[in-house]
Amino acid sequence: MKKKFLSVILATAMVATLLTGCGKKAPATDGNTATETADQTQTQDTATAENTGTTDTATTKTGVAQTNLAYKGELELMHFSTSEESEGNGGSESFRSVIADWETVHPDIKLVQNVLANDDYKTQIATLAAANDLPDVFLLQGMNTKGWASQGLVMDLTDIIAKSPYASQYENSTFYPFTSDSKIYGFPVLTAGTCAVVVYDSAKWKEAGFDTFPETWDDVLKAKDYFADQGIDTIAFGNGSKWQVNSTFLATIGDRFTGPDWTHSLIEKKGAKFTDKPFVDALKFTKDAFASGVFNEDFNAITNEDAREYYISGDAAAYIGGNWDVSYIQSALKDTDLYNTTKFAVLPQPTGATASTKTHDIGLGYAVAINPKLADDQDKLNAAIDLAYEVTGPAFANYVASNYALSGLTKVENVDLSKFDQFTQDFYNYQYVDNKPCEIYDSYISSAVWDVLNTDLQTMLNGEISPEDVAKNAQKAYDDNY
């Protein structure tokens, strides 16, 4: 294979890495499955504070509130912000920092953390749910909300959220994926990260005759022959894990053809169908786009992590991924020429798509949830609620905004971008200022539906099933499971 892979050693202290937050919707990491104890995940500041016996909030770097909790003992927490991921991801680093500081101000509570790589987390949490053996506090994926709520596996947090000391600061729209029958089952965390962004080398595209990344797919096709002559791919993409086409491509392209009302109708079971013509048209475009030669030939066999290495190593002029990939790319390219020429663009507009323009799907894929079994121990429940308040509250939001120019559940006004470099400012403007968000499909509905669609999408891109059959199979899974 002509591709070369770049070995990257990521620094543990990042100036500006970016947020995890998509329908999977955090990145799958390359690290092994890991179980981390509370002690293993503490920062040096935390260890120092515990050694001196102080629990003053001045010893913490995130400003976690110190509350009086009666509970003393173990509290289980399961999540996917591994130590490896936090080295290349501002959202994960911030999440871990708040957790560590919460431990500091509550030394009588031993937080037992089960920390898994993202793909392993999804598998393990589903296994625990099936056995009705979920941990005390865990991350709930939006697509599982309705099903797990109906089975009594997640606590109704509606009143708890309303009583939160931070309730007036919440961005209430972010609760939507975690709502069922007007009840809320999770505190959104790692919110508002784009799951569909074109990362491109502006210098290469300038040489190809484009001052910025093309706004239409027809123009992207015009650039294909130029880059082929240079011996590189036009756009790198990886769909080896099956979810990538859905999360980082189709959800945005689908919105361009259907518009948001169709998506909300599908989520709320108000009549929209996967077999509706606009969605089938989106599938047809997706099939044609990946058959056009614009992407690397092995796109269906490699992961998004592999594909982003094609961009990093200069073997592709652009790359399509999510915010988590931008975090990694930023870390990997620091102090290189490509770092300075890397820019961001929305997916180009397909011919015939008129329902929306300049949209990119936003990940609201996970929320902090609580096991309803804790209702039998009010003191322990209060500890779990306090943890949920803090890891999604202003301690997290202010820390992630000031250090990474990113957002959380609670609002942060007037983020100061002046201290960030151009790369970070450009990506902030891409996510929050210049373009319009749309829903990411797999934050909603049911994993049983997306398992069918994701498998069929990969098969379709291999030329073995038609877009119409993909739509029919997805609709059947929807009718049977949602």
Foldseek 3Di string as FASTA:
>chain_A
DPFDFDDFDFDQDDQAFAFFFAQLTGDFDPDAFDWDWLVRLADPLLVVLVVVPDLDLVSADLSQDQDDFPDAEEAEEEEALDSVLSSLYLQSVLLSSLSNSLCSSVVRYTYGYRYTGSVVSVVVQVVCLVVLNHGFKYKDFLACQQVSVVVQFFDFCQVVLVPFPQNVQFPVVLQVSQDDPNTGFFFFGSWQWFWKKKKFQCVVVVVLPDNDPDQAVVVLLVSQVVVVVVQAAAEEAACQVLCNCQFHPLQFLLCLQPNQVLLVCLQVVVDRALLPVSNLVSLVVSLCSLVSRRYDPCRRNGHLVVRLSCVLVPRYRIYIGISSSRSNSCSRCPPHPSNVRIAIAGDHHYPPRHRDGQETAIGSTIGITGGPVCVVPVSSVVSSSSSRCRSQHSSSQVSSCQRHVDGGRGDDPDRDCVVPDPSSVRVNCSRPNDGHYHHRNSSGHHPQLSVLLSVVSSCVSVVNDRSSVSRVRSRVSRVVRD
